Structure formats: structure tokens, C-alpha cells
Amino acid sequence: MDQLPFVTEIQVRWRDIDAKSHVNNATIVTYLETARTELWRHRFGGGIDIPYVVARVEVDYRRQITIDDRVRIGLWVEDLKGASYVFAYRIEINGRHAADARTLMAHIGPEGRPTRIGPEMRAKLEALTLD
């Protein structure tokens, strides 16, 4: 996990737990959103002018997450194109592999329409790719 370009921790909250005493599958998608938010703050300057939207989400669950687990999410960029890219994620609990995920991100302009990724944003995204 430490070799990934961005890693953040997620605190499991009581409300994340479902009737089976594990983190609900939909909550995992919220964890991905939290990881993207932290990435936005730490690598892109934060703020609410976020130039992308999620166009697709896929998650492969490997093990349950419970209230006492320490959750870490690693995130990197795959498949950087002209107006879209993929964020890939590795979720670990207590150092063990718990899930893999991907989100297809569509780059958008101020009017909400797809647009090409500009040079500054592209450079920041390229810095998040794996070598």
C-alpha cells in the first residue's frame, strides 16, 4: 500500500454498519468518495470547483469490514485519456486486502459538459499513475 501515490484512512462509523454487523456495500462506495475528496484536498488544492463526475463504479469485495477495523484506501490513476480517466483503489483492513474498485471519471467544464483535460490537471493526474 505504501508504494501507491495516495493513501488515506477511513474511520468506520456506527452508521456504516448494517444488520449483518459489517460495513454495507453501498457504504464502501461512500468510502471511495471520501478517498477522492481527500485526494482533491491534498493534491489539487481543495474547494468545490471539482472538474469531474463519476461515470461508472465497480467494486470487487474480498472480505467484510467491521466496526473495529482500521481501513486504508490507496488510490491511483489508470487509463488517462483526453476527457476521462480511471481512479483505481485498493482497500485494506488491518493490513489485509478487503476490496478493489475502479471509478471512471468524466472530466467536465464549468457548464457541466465533458471537456478535454487541461495541461495542469493532466500533469497532476499523471503524477498519480503507477510507474
C-alpha atoms as a PDB file:
ATOM      1  CA  MET A   1       0.000   0.000   0.000  1.00  0.00           C
ATOM      2  CA  ASP A   2       2.854   2.381   0.792  1.00  0.00           C
ATOM      3  CA  GLN A   3       4.047   2.291  -2.847  1.00  0.00           C
ATOM      4  CA  LEU A   4       0.756   3.835  -4.043  1.00  0.00           C
ATOM      5  CA  PRO A   5       0.758   7.563  -4.871  1.00  0.00           C
ATOM      6  CA  PHE A   6      -2.072   8.414  -2.437  1.00  0.00           C
ATOM      7  CA  VAL A   7      -3.314   6.634   0.675  1.00  0.00           C
ATOM      8  CA  THR A   8      -5.868   7.781   3.235  1.00  0.00           C
ATOM      9  CA  GLU A   9      -7.503   6.272   6.306  1.00  0.00           C
ATOM     10  CA  ILE A  10     -11.237   5.938   6.857  1.00  0.00           C
ATOM     11  CA  GLN A  11     -12.781   5.730  10.315  1.00  0.00           C
ATOM     12  CA  VAL A  12     -15.618   3.187  10.360  1.00  0.00           C
ATOM     13  CA  ARG A  13     -18.675   4.781  11.965  1.00  0.00           C
ATOM     14  CA  TRP A  14     -21.569   3.075  13.698  1.00  0.00           C
ATOM     15  CA  ARG A  15     -23.941   4.194  10.929  1.00  0.00           C
ATOM     16  CA  ASP A  16     -21.776   2.368   8.353  1.00  0.00           C
ATOM     17  CA  ILE A  17     -22.720  -0.995   9.853  1.00  0.00           C
ATOM     18  CA  ASP A  18     -25.718  -2.955   8.568  1.00  0.00           C
ATOM     19  CA  ALA A  19     -27.875  -5.685  10.125  1.00  0.00           C
ATOM     20  CA  LYS A  20     -25.133  -8.258   9.460  1.00  0.00           C
ATOM     21  CA  SER A  21     -22.664  -6.222  11.590  1.00  0.00           C
ATOM     22  CA  HIS A  22     -20.414  -5.343   8.689  1.00  0.00           C
ATOM     23  CA  VAL A  23     -19.976  -2.245   6.537  1.00  0.00           C
ATOM     24  CA  ASN A  24     -22.749  -2.102   3.965  1.00  0.00           C
ATOM     25  CA  ASN A  25     -21.692  -2.492   0.327  1.00  0.00           C
ATOM     26  CA  ALA A  26     -23.106   0.933  -0.579  1.00  0.00           C
ATOM     27  CA  THR A  27     -21.024   2.479   2.209  1.00  0.00           C
ATOM     28  CA  ILE A  28     -17.886   1.162   0.514  1.00  0.00           C
ATOM     29  CA  VAL A  29     -18.766   3.392  -2.448  1.00  0.00           C
ATOM     30  CA  THR A  30     -19.024   6.309   0.003  1.00  0.00           C
ATOM     31  CA  TYR A  31     -15.545   5.398   1.252  1.00  0.00           C
ATOM     32  CA  LEU A  32     -14.296   5.730  -2.328  1.00  0.00           C
ATOM     33  CA  GLU A  33     -15.871   9.186  -2.466  1.00  0.00           C
ATOM     34  CA  THR A  34     -14.157  10.092   0.806  1.00  0.00           C
ATOM     35  CA  ALA A  35     -10.811   8.984  -0.629  1.00  0.00           C
ATOM     36  CA  ARG A  36     -11.380  11.138  -3.737  1.00  0.00           C
ATOM     37  CA  THR A  37     -12.302  14.100  -1.517  1.00  0.00           C
ATOM     38  CA  GLU A  38      -9.102  13.721   0.497  1.00  0.00           C
ATOM     39  CA  LEU A  39      -7.113  13.402  -2.723  1.00  0.00           C
ATOM     40  CA  TRP A  40      -8.776  16.585  -4.026  1.00  0.00           C
ATOM     41  CA  ARG A  41      -7.832  18.453  -0.839  1.00  0.00           C
ATOM     42  CA  HIS A  42      -4.255  17.227  -0.627  1.00  0.00           C
ATOM     43  CA  ARG A  43      -3.183  17.125  -4.283  1.00  0.00           C
ATOM     44  CA  PHE A  44      -5.472  19.547  -6.138  1.00  0.00           C
ATOM     45  CA  GLY A  45      -5.983  22.380  -3.653  1.00  0.00           C
ATOM     46  CA  GLY A  46      -9.491  21.541  -2.445  1.00  0.00           C
ATOM     47  CA  GLY A  47     -12.520  23.770  -2.932  1.00  0.00           C
ATOM     48  CA  ILE A  48     -15.854  22.980  -4.514  1.00  0.00           C
ATOM     49  CA  ASP A  49     -14.972  23.579  -8.169  1.00  0.00           C
ATOM     50  CA  ILE A  50     -14.362  19.886  -8.877  1.00  0.00           C
ATOM     51  CA  PRO A  51     -13.915  19.261 -12.634  1.00  0.00           C
ATOM     52  CA  TYR A  52     -15.026  15.629 -12.776  1.00  0.00           C
ATOM     53  CA  VAL A  53     -18.014  13.378 -12.175  1.00  0.00           C
ATOM     54  CA  VAL A  54     -18.258   9.643 -11.639  1.00  0.00           C
ATOM     55  CA  ALA A  55     -19.493   7.922 -14.797  1.00  0.00           C
ATOM     56  CA  ARG A  56     -19.088   4.321 -13.586  1.00  0.00           C
ATOM     57  CA  VAL A  57     -18.273   2.455 -10.358  1.00  0.00           C
ATOM     58  CA  GLU A  58     -17.190  -1.151  -9.944  1.00  0.00           C
ATOM     59  CA  VAL A  59     -16.192  -2.865  -6.712  1.00  0.00           C
ATOM     60  CA  ASP A  60     -14.830  -6.360  -6.083  1.00  0.00           C
ATOM     61  CA  TYR A  61     -15.394  -7.248  -2.432  1.00  0.00           C
ATOM     62  CA  ARG A  62     -12.893  -9.664  -0.858  1.00  0.00           C
ATOM     63  CA  ARG A  63     -13.675  -9.575   2.868  1.00  0.00           C
ATOM     64  CA  GLN A  64     -16.015  -7.933   5.354  1.00  0.00           C
ATOM     65  CA  ILE A  65     -15.228  -4.668   7.101  1.00  0.00           C
ATOM     66  CA  THR A  66     -16.443  -4.307  10.687  1.00  0.00           C
ATOM     67  CA  ILE A  67     -16.672  -1.505  13.245  1.00  0.00           C
ATOM     68  CA  ASP A  68     -13.245  -2.176  14.782  1.00  0.00           C
ATOM     69  CA  ASP A  69     -11.312  -2.437  11.521  1.00  0.00           C
ATOM     70  CA  ARG A  70      -8.651   0.060  10.523  1.00  0.00           C
ATOM     71  CA  VAL A  71      -9.470   0.950   6.902  1.00  0.00           C
ATOM     72  CA  ARG A  72      -6.900   2.324   4.467  1.00  0.00           C
ATOM     73  CA  ILE A  73      -7.631   3.197   0.860  1.00  0.00           C
ATOM     74  CA  GLY A  74      -4.926   3.550  -1.739  1.00  0.00           C
ATOM     75  CA  LEU A  75      -5.794   5.410  -4.926  1.00  0.00           C
ATOM     76  CA  TRP A  76      -4.045   5.884  -8.253  1.00  0.00           C
ATOM     77  CA  VAL A  77      -4.854   6.872 -11.835  1.00  0.00           C
ATOM     78  CA  GLU A  78      -5.204   4.325 -14.624  1.00  0.00           C
ATOM     79  CA  ASP A  79      -6.148   4.817 -18.268  1.00  0.00           C
ATOM     80  CA  LEU A  80      -5.737   8.592 -18.585  1.00  0.00           C
ATOM     81  CA  LYS A  81      -7.437   9.739 -21.798  1.00  0.00           C
ATOM     82  CA  GLY A  82      -8.426  13.054 -23.374  1.00  0.00           C
ATOM     83  CA  ALA A  83     -11.563  13.735 -21.337  1.00  0.00           C
ATOM     84  CA  SER A  84     -11.702  10.818 -18.887  1.00  0.00           C
ATOM     85  CA  TYR A  85      -9.609   8.654 -16.622  1.00  0.00           C
ATOM     86  CA  VAL A  86      -9.972   5.812 -14.154  1.00  0.00           C
ATOM     87  CA  PHE A  87      -9.276   6.047 -10.447  1.00  0.00           C
ATOM     88  CA  ALA A  88      -8.261   2.611  -9.154  1.00  0.00           C
ATOM     89  CA  TYR A  89      -8.497   1.786  -5.456  1.00  0.00           C
ATOM     90  CA  ARG A  90      -7.173  -0.840  -3.079  1.00  0.00           C
ATOM     91  CA  ILE A  91      -8.974  -1.108   0.243  1.00  0.00           C
ATOM     92  CA  GLU A  92      -7.209  -2.762   3.155  1.00  0.00           C
ATOM     93  CA  ILE A  93      -8.362  -3.508   6.678  1.00  0.00           C
ATOM     94  CA  ASN A  94      -5.792  -4.102   9.387  1.00  0.00           C
ATOM     95  CA  GLY A  95      -3.209  -4.614   6.630  1.00  0.00           C
ATOM     96  CA  ARG A  96      -5.294  -7.224   4.780  1.00  0.00           C
ATOM     97  CA  HIS A  97      -6.755  -6.842   1.286  1.00  0.00           C
ATOM     98  CA  ALA A  98     -10.520  -6.148   1.557  1.00  0.00           C
ATOM     99  CA  ALA A  99     -11.633  -4.804  -1.850  1.00  0.00           C
ATOM    100  CA  ASP A 100     -10.589  -3.446  -5.220  1.00  0.00           C
ATOM    101  CA  ALA A 101     -12.525  -0.744  -7.018  1.00  0.00           C
ATOM    102  CA  ARG A 102     -12.482   1.485 -10.057  1.00  0.00           C
ATOM    103  CA  THR A 103     -14.341   4.642 -10.951  1.00  0.00           C
ATOM    104  CA  LEU A 104     -14.481   6.019 -14.459  1.00  0.00           C
ATOM    105  CA  MET A 105     -14.204   9.779 -14.126  1.00  0.00           C
ATOM    106  CA  ALA A 106     -15.556  12.127 -16.783  1.00  0.00           C
ATOM    107  CA  HIS A 107     -13.787  15.487 -16.907  1.00  0.00           C
ATOM    108  CA  ILE A 108     -16.291  18.353 -17.163  1.00  0.00           C
ATOM    109  CA  GLY A 109     -16.158  22.079 -17.772  1.00  0.00           C
ATOM    110  CA  PRO A 110     -17.942  24.856 -15.852  1.00  0.00           C
ATOM    111  CA  GLU A 111     -21.204  24.245 -17.742  1.00  0.00           C
ATOM    112  CA  GLY A 112     -21.190  20.560 -16.784  1.00  0.00           C
ATOM    113  CA  ARG A 113     -20.348  19.214 -20.248  1.00  0.00           C
ATOM    114  CA  PRO A 114     -17.462  16.831 -20.984  1.00  0.00           C
ATOM    115  CA  THR A 115     -14.251  18.649 -21.917  1.00  0.00           C
ATOM    116  CA  ARG A 116     -10.627  17.766 -22.540  1.00  0.00           C
ATOM    117  CA  ILE A 117      -8.338  17.639 -19.532  1.00  0.00           C
ATOM    118  CA  GLY A 118      -6.111  20.713 -19.471  1.00  0.00           C
ATOM    119  CA  PRO A 119      -2.307  20.540 -19.121  1.00  0.00           C
ATOM    120  CA  GLU A 120      -2.170  21.482 -15.416  1.00  0.00           C
ATOM    121  CA  MET A 121      -4.785  18.926 -14.394  1.00  0.00           C
ATOM    122  CA  ARG A 122      -3.224  16.297 -16.677  1.00  0.00           C
ATOM    123  CA  ALA A 123       0.177  16.782 -15.012  1.00  0.00           C
ATOM    124  CA  LYS A 124      -1.372  16.300 -11.568  1.00  0.00           C
ATOM    125  CA  LEU A 125      -3.193  13.178 -12.740  1.00  0.00           C
ATOM    126  CA  GLU A 126      -0.046  11.791 -14.386  1.00  0.00           C
ATOM    127  CA  ALA A 127       1.732  12.198 -11.027  1.00  0.00           C
ATOM    128  CA  LEU A 128      -0.826   9.715  -9.627  1.00  0.00           C
ATOM    129  CA  THR A 129      -0.108   6.935 -12.138  1.00  0.00           C
ATOM    130  CA  LEU A 130       1.921   3.858 -11.237  1.00  0.00           C
ATOM    131  CA  ASP A 131       5.288   3.524 -12.936  1.00  0.00           C
END
